[in-house]
């Protein structure tokens, strides 16, 4: 296992928490008539920035993401989304395995 420096772990956690928060905001914004397309695009760009930060830290954050795969809905979504974006067959299989092991009420369709 790779030893992750504290400053990098803090950075990974911040990207992860921001991704969770922005995704929840994006989900509610999609149904909010006060949001226009440019507002949604801005949220999407911010989401992508945090995903990029995690993808670029792949070797350091993989274990962190796998730990969060079985967590709360927002943890599981954020972890699965980033793990799938790594385009790694082993990570994709771990996401699939986690979905297959989840209880019915744990699996929530991400797009609303």
N, C-alpha and C. Protein backbone atom coordinates (compact mmCIF):
# COMPACT_ATOMS: atom_id res chain seq x y z
N UNK A 1 0.84 -1.18 0.00
CA UNK A 1 0.00 0.00 0.00
C UNK A 1 0.89 1.25 0.00
N UNK A 2 0.48 2.21 -0.78
CA UNK A 2 1.23 3.45 -0.92
C UNK A 2 0.94 4.35 0.28
N UNK A 3 1.99 4.89 0.86
CA UNK A 3 1.86 5.85 1.96
C UNK A 3 1.50 7.20 1.36
N UNK A 4 0.36 7.74 1.79
CA UNK A 4 -0.11 9.02 1.26
C UNK A 4 0.26 10.12 2.26
N UNK A 5 1.03 11.10 1.81
CA UNK A 5 1.37 12.22 2.71
C UNK A 5 0.10 12.92 3.20
N UNK A 6 0.14 13.42 4.42
CA UNK A 6 -1.04 14.06 5.02
C UNK A 6 -1.57 15.21 4.17
N UNK A 7 -0.67 16.04 3.61
CA UNK A 7 -1.13 17.17 2.81
C UNK A 7 -1.88 16.70 1.56
N UNK A 8 -1.44 15.57 0.98
CA UNK A 8 -2.10 15.04 -0.21
C UNK A 8 -3.43 14.39 0.15
N UNK A 9 -3.47 13.68 1.26
CA UNK A 9 -4.72 13.08 1.71
C UNK A 9 -5.76 14.17 1.97
N UNK A 10 -5.36 15.26 2.57
CA UNK A 10 -6.28 16.38 2.81
C UNK A 10 -6.80 16.93 1.49
N UNK A 11 -5.95 17.02 0.49
CA UNK A 11 -6.34 17.50 -0.82
C UNK A 11 -7.32 16.54 -1.48
N UNK A 12 -7.05 15.24 -1.38
CA UNK A 12 -7.94 14.21 -1.94
C UNK A 12 -9.30 14.28 -1.27
N UNK A 13 -9.31 14.38 0.05
CA UNK A 13 -10.57 14.46 0.78
C UNK A 13 -11.36 15.70 0.39
N UNK A 14 -10.67 16.82 0.20
CA UNK A 14 -11.36 18.05 -0.19
C UNK A 14 -11.98 17.90 -1.58
N UNK A 15 -11.24 17.35 -2.53
CA UNK A 15 -11.80 17.12 -3.87
C UNK A 15 -13.03 16.20 -3.78
N UNK A 16 -12.93 15.17 -2.97
CA UNK A 16 -14.01 14.20 -2.83
C UNK A 16 -15.26 14.84 -2.22
N UNK A 17 -15.07 15.60 -1.15
CA UNK A 17 -16.20 16.27 -0.50
C UNK A 17 -16.85 17.31 -1.42
N UNK A 18 -16.04 18.04 -2.15
CA UNK A 18 -16.57 19.02 -3.10
C UNK A 18 -17.35 18.33 -4.22
N UNK A 19 -16.83 17.22 -4.70
CA UNK A 19 -17.53 16.46 -5.73
C UNK A 19 -18.90 16.01 -5.23
N UNK A 20 -18.95 15.49 -4.02
CA UNK A 20 -20.23 15.07 -3.44
C UNK A 20 -21.21 16.24 -3.36
N UNK A 21 -20.75 17.34 -2.82
CA UNK A 21 -21.61 18.50 -2.64
C UNK A 21 -22.10 19.05 -3.98
N UNK A 22 -21.19 19.17 -4.92
CA UNK A 22 -21.56 19.71 -6.23
C UNK A 22 -22.51 18.79 -6.98
N UNK A 23 -22.32 17.47 -6.82
CA UNK A 23 -23.23 16.55 -7.50
C UNK A 23 -24.64 16.66 -6.92
N UNK A 24 -24.76 16.77 -5.60
CA UNK A 24 -26.08 16.94 -4.99
C UNK A 24 -26.71 18.25 -5.47
N UNK A 25 -25.92 19.29 -5.54
CA UNK A 25 -26.40 20.58 -6.05
C UNK A 25 -26.84 20.43 -7.51
N UNK A 26 -26.06 19.71 -8.30
CA UNK A 26 -26.38 19.50 -9.72
C UNK A 26 -27.69 18.74 -9.88
N UNK A 27 -27.90 17.73 -9.03
CA UNK A 27 -29.14 16.94 -9.09
C UNK A 27 -30.35 17.81 -8.81
N UNK A 28 -30.26 18.66 -7.80
CA UNK A 28 -31.40 19.52 -7.48
C UNK A 28 -31.54 20.64 -8.50
N UNK A 29 -30.44 21.14 -9.03
CA UNK A 29 -30.48 22.22 -10.01
C UNK A 29 -31.16 21.78 -11.31
N UNK A 30 -31.00 20.52 -11.66
CA UNK A 30 -31.59 20.01 -12.91
C UNK A 30 -33.10 20.11 -12.90
N UNK A 31 -33.70 20.09 -11.71
CA UNK A 31 -35.15 20.18 -11.60
C UNK A 31 -35.62 21.57 -11.17
N UNK A 32 -34.70 22.49 -10.99
CA UNK A 32 -35.01 23.83 -10.50
C UNK A 32 -35.20 24.78 -11.69
N UNK A 33 -36.40 25.35 -11.83
CA UNK A 33 -36.64 26.24 -12.96
C UNK A 33 -35.81 27.53 -12.92
N UNK A 34 -35.24 27.85 -11.77
CA UNK A 34 -34.40 29.04 -11.67
C UNK A 34 -33.00 28.83 -12.26
N UNK A 35 -32.63 27.57 -12.49
CA UNK A 35 -31.33 27.28 -13.10
C UNK A 35 -31.50 27.26 -14.61
N UNK A 36 -30.60 27.93 -15.30
CA UNK A 36 -30.61 27.85 -16.75
C UNK A 36 -29.44 26.98 -17.20
N UNK A 37 -29.31 26.81 -18.50
CA UNK A 37 -28.27 25.94 -19.04
C UNK A 37 -26.88 26.40 -18.63
N UNK A 38 -26.65 27.69 -18.61
CA UNK A 38 -25.31 28.17 -18.25
C UNK A 38 -24.99 27.85 -16.79
N UNK A 39 -25.99 27.88 -15.92
CA UNK A 39 -25.77 27.51 -14.52
C UNK A 39 -25.43 26.04 -14.37
N UNK A 40 -26.09 25.20 -15.16
CA UNK A 40 -25.79 23.77 -15.12
C UNK A 40 -24.40 23.49 -15.70
N UNK A 41 -24.05 24.20 -16.76
CA UNK A 41 -22.71 24.03 -17.35
C UNK A 41 -21.64 24.43 -16.35
N UNK A 42 -21.88 25.49 -15.61
CA UNK A 42 -20.91 25.92 -14.60
C UNK A 42 -20.73 24.84 -13.53
N UNK A 43 -21.84 24.26 -13.08
CA UNK A 43 -21.75 23.17 -12.10
C UNK A 43 -20.98 21.98 -12.68
N UNK A 44 -21.28 21.64 -13.93
CA UNK A 44 -20.60 20.53 -14.58
C UNK A 44 -19.09 20.77 -14.67
N UNK A 45 -18.70 22.00 -14.98
CA UNK A 45 -17.28 22.32 -15.05
C UNK A 45 -16.61 22.22 -13.70
N UNK A 46 -17.29 22.65 -12.66
CA UNK A 46 -16.72 22.54 -11.31
C UNK A 46 -16.60 21.08 -10.89
N UNK A 47 -17.61 20.28 -11.24
CA UNK A 47 -17.57 18.85 -10.95
C UNK A 47 -16.36 18.22 -11.65
N UNK A 48 -16.20 18.53 -12.92
CA UNK A 48 -15.09 17.97 -13.69
C UNK A 48 -13.73 18.36 -13.10
N UNK A 49 -13.62 19.57 -12.59
CA UNK A 49 -12.35 20.00 -12.00
C UNK A 49 -11.98 19.11 -10.80
N UNK A 50 -12.96 18.77 -9.98
CA UNK A 50 -12.68 17.93 -8.81
C UNK A 50 -12.45 16.48 -9.22
N UNK A 51 -13.18 16.02 -10.24
CA UNK A 51 -12.93 14.67 -10.75
C UNK A 51 -11.51 14.59 -11.31
N UNK A 52 -11.11 15.60 -12.06
CA UNK A 52 -9.75 15.64 -12.61
C UNK A 52 -8.70 15.58 -11.50
N UNK A 53 -8.94 16.33 -10.43
CA UNK A 53 -8.01 16.31 -9.30
C UNK A 53 -7.85 14.92 -8.71
N UNK A 54 -8.95 14.18 -8.64
CA UNK A 54 -8.90 12.82 -8.10
C UNK A 54 -8.28 11.85 -9.10
N UNK A 55 -8.64 11.98 -10.37
CA UNK A 55 -8.07 11.10 -11.39
C UNK A 55 -6.56 11.28 -11.48
N UNK A 56 -6.11 12.52 -11.40
CA UNK A 56 -4.67 12.78 -11.46
C UNK A 56 -3.94 12.23 -10.24
N UNK A 57 -4.66 12.04 -9.15
CA UNK A 57 -4.07 11.49 -7.91
C UNK A 57 -4.34 10.00 -7.79
N UNK A 58 -4.64 9.36 -8.90
CA UNK A 58 -5.09 7.96 -8.92
C UNK A 58 -4.30 7.04 -8.01
N UNK A 59 -3.00 7.03 -8.12
CA UNK A 59 -2.20 6.07 -7.35
C UNK A 59 -2.32 6.30 -5.85
N UNK A 60 -2.67 7.52 -5.46
CA UNK A 60 -2.78 7.84 -4.04
C UNK A 60 -4.21 7.74 -3.52
N UNK A 61 -5.19 7.88 -4.40
CA UNK A 61 -6.57 7.93 -3.90
C UNK A 61 -7.37 6.67 -4.17
N UNK A 62 -6.82 5.72 -4.88
CA UNK A 62 -7.57 4.50 -5.23
C UNK A 62 -8.12 3.80 -3.98
N UNK A 63 -7.28 3.60 -2.96
CA UNK A 63 -7.74 2.92 -1.74
C UNK A 63 -8.82 3.74 -1.04
N UNK A 64 -8.65 5.06 -1.01
CA UNK A 64 -9.65 5.96 -0.41
C UNK A 64 -10.99 5.83 -1.14
N UNK A 65 -10.95 5.80 -2.47
CA UNK A 65 -12.18 5.66 -3.26
C UNK A 65 -12.85 4.32 -3.00
N UNK A 66 -12.06 3.26 -2.96
CA UNK A 66 -12.63 1.93 -2.72
C UNK A 66 -13.28 1.85 -1.35
N UNK A 67 -12.69 2.49 -0.35
CA UNK A 67 -13.29 2.52 0.99
C UNK A 67 -14.65 3.21 0.97
N UNK A 68 -14.77 4.26 0.17
CA UNK A 68 -16.01 5.04 0.13
C UNK A 68 -17.06 4.45 -0.80
N UNK A 69 -16.71 3.44 -1.55
CA UNK A 69 -17.63 2.81 -2.48
C UNK A 69 -18.83 2.21 -1.77
N UNK A 70 -18.63 1.72 -0.56
CA UNK A 70 -19.72 1.10 0.17
C UNK A 70 -20.35 2.02 1.20
N UNK A 71 -20.10 3.31 1.10
CA UNK A 71 -20.61 4.25 2.10
C UNK A 71 -21.99 4.77 1.77
N UNK A 72 -22.24 5.98 2.19
CA UNK A 72 -23.54 6.62 1.95
C UNK A 72 -23.77 6.79 0.46
N UNK A 73 -24.98 7.18 0.10
CA UNK A 73 -25.31 7.34 -1.32
C UNK A 73 -24.35 8.32 -2.01
N UNK A 74 -24.11 9.46 -1.38
CA UNK A 74 -23.24 10.45 -2.04
C UNK A 74 -21.78 9.97 -2.07
N UNK A 75 -21.34 9.27 -1.04
CA UNK A 75 -19.99 8.69 -1.04
C UNK A 75 -19.87 7.65 -2.16
N UNK A 76 -20.85 6.76 -2.21
CA UNK A 76 -20.80 5.68 -3.20
C UNK A 76 -20.83 6.24 -4.61
N UNK A 77 -21.68 7.23 -4.85
CA UNK A 77 -21.74 7.82 -6.18
C UNK A 77 -20.40 8.44 -6.56
N UNK A 78 -19.87 9.29 -5.69
CA UNK A 78 -18.62 10.00 -6.00
C UNK A 78 -17.48 9.00 -6.23
N UNK A 79 -17.39 8.00 -5.37
CA UNK A 79 -16.33 7.00 -5.50
C UNK A 79 -16.49 6.22 -6.80
N UNK A 80 -17.70 5.76 -7.09
CA UNK A 80 -17.94 4.98 -8.30
C UNK A 80 -17.66 5.82 -9.55
N UNK A 81 -18.10 7.06 -9.54
CA UNK A 81 -17.91 7.92 -10.70
C UNK A 81 -16.43 8.11 -11.01
N UNK A 82 -15.64 8.38 -9.98
CA UNK A 82 -14.21 8.58 -10.20
C UNK A 82 -13.54 7.26 -10.57
N UNK A 83 -13.88 6.17 -9.88
CA UNK A 83 -13.27 4.88 -10.21
C UNK A 83 -13.54 4.48 -11.66
N UNK A 84 -14.75 4.74 -12.14
CA UNK A 84 -15.05 4.43 -13.54
C UNK A 84 -14.30 5.34 -14.50
N UNK A 85 -14.07 6.57 -14.08
CA UNK A 85 -13.33 7.51 -14.93
C UNK A 85 -11.84 7.16 -15.02
N UNK A 86 -11.36 6.28 -14.14
CA UNK A 86 -9.96 5.84 -14.23
C UNK A 86 -9.74 4.92 -15.42
N UNK A 87 -10.82 4.41 -15.99
CA UNK A 87 -10.76 3.53 -17.17
C UNK A 87 -9.85 2.32 -16.92
N UNK A 88 -10.03 1.75 -15.73
CA UNK A 88 -9.25 0.60 -15.31
C UNK A 88 -10.21 -0.57 -15.11
N UNK A 89 -9.95 -1.69 -15.77
CA UNK A 89 -10.87 -2.83 -15.69
C UNK A 89 -11.08 -3.33 -14.27
N UNK A 90 -10.02 -3.34 -13.48
CA UNK A 90 -10.13 -3.81 -12.10
C UNK A 90 -11.03 -2.88 -11.28
N UNK A 91 -10.88 -1.58 -11.46
CA UNK A 91 -11.73 -0.62 -10.75
C UNK A 91 -13.18 -0.76 -11.19
N UNK A 92 -13.39 -0.91 -12.49
CA UNK A 92 -14.75 -1.07 -13.00
C UNK A 92 -15.39 -2.32 -12.41
N UNK A 93 -14.64 -3.40 -12.32
CA UNK A 93 -15.18 -4.63 -11.75
C UNK A 93 -15.53 -4.44 -10.27
N UNK A 94 -14.72 -3.67 -9.54
CA UNK A 94 -15.01 -3.42 -8.13
C UNK A 94 -16.28 -2.59 -7.97
N UNK A 95 -16.52 -1.66 -8.88
CA UNK A 95 -17.77 -0.89 -8.85
C UNK A 95 -18.94 -1.83 -9.14
N UNK A 96 -18.81 -2.68 -10.13
CA UNK A 96 -19.88 -3.63 -10.46
C UNK A 96 -20.15 -4.56 -9.28
N UNK A 97 -19.10 -5.07 -8.67
CA UNK A 97 -19.26 -5.96 -7.51
C UNK A 97 -19.98 -5.25 -6.37
N UNK A 98 -19.63 -3.98 -6.13
CA UNK A 98 -20.28 -3.22 -5.06
C UNK A 98 -21.76 -3.02 -5.37
N UNK A 99 -22.09 -2.76 -6.62
CA UNK A 99 -23.50 -2.61 -7.00
C UNK A 99 -24.25 -3.92 -6.84
N UNK A 100 -23.64 -5.02 -7.23
CA UNK A 100 -24.29 -6.32 -7.09
C UNK A 100 -24.49 -6.71 -5.63
N UNK A 101 -23.60 -6.27 -4.76
CA UNK A 101 -23.69 -6.60 -3.33
C UNK A 101 -24.62 -5.65 -2.58
N UNK A 102 -24.97 -4.53 -3.20
CA UNK A 102 -25.80 -3.52 -2.51
C UNK A 102 -27.23 -4.02 -2.33
N UNK A 103 -27.82 -3.56 -1.25
CA UNK A 103 -29.24 -3.82 -1.02
C UNK A 103 -30.04 -2.94 -1.97
N UNK A 104 -31.29 -3.32 -2.24
CA UNK A 104 -32.11 -2.56 -3.19
C UNK A 104 -32.20 -1.09 -2.87
N UNK A 105 -32.35 -0.74 -1.60
CA UNK A 105 -32.50 0.67 -1.25
C UNK A 105 -31.18 1.44 -1.25
N UNK A 106 -30.06 0.73 -1.44
CA UNK A 106 -28.76 1.40 -1.52
C UNK A 106 -28.44 1.85 -2.94
N UNK A 107 -29.07 1.23 -3.92
CA UNK A 107 -28.80 1.53 -5.31
C UNK A 107 -29.78 2.59 -5.77
N UNK A 108 -29.26 3.75 -6.09
CA UNK A 108 -30.09 4.88 -6.51
C UNK A 108 -29.63 5.30 -7.89
N UNK A 109 -30.58 5.53 -8.77
CA UNK A 109 -30.23 6.00 -10.11
C UNK A 109 -29.66 7.39 -9.99
N UNK A 110 -28.46 7.62 -10.53
CA UNK A 110 -27.76 8.90 -10.37
C UNK A 110 -28.42 10.02 -11.14
N UNK A 111 -28.96 9.75 -12.30
CA UNK A 111 -29.57 10.81 -13.10
C UNK A 111 -31.01 11.01 -12.64
N UNK A 112 -31.35 12.25 -12.32
CA UNK A 112 -32.73 12.52 -11.92
C UNK A 112 -33.33 13.57 -12.79
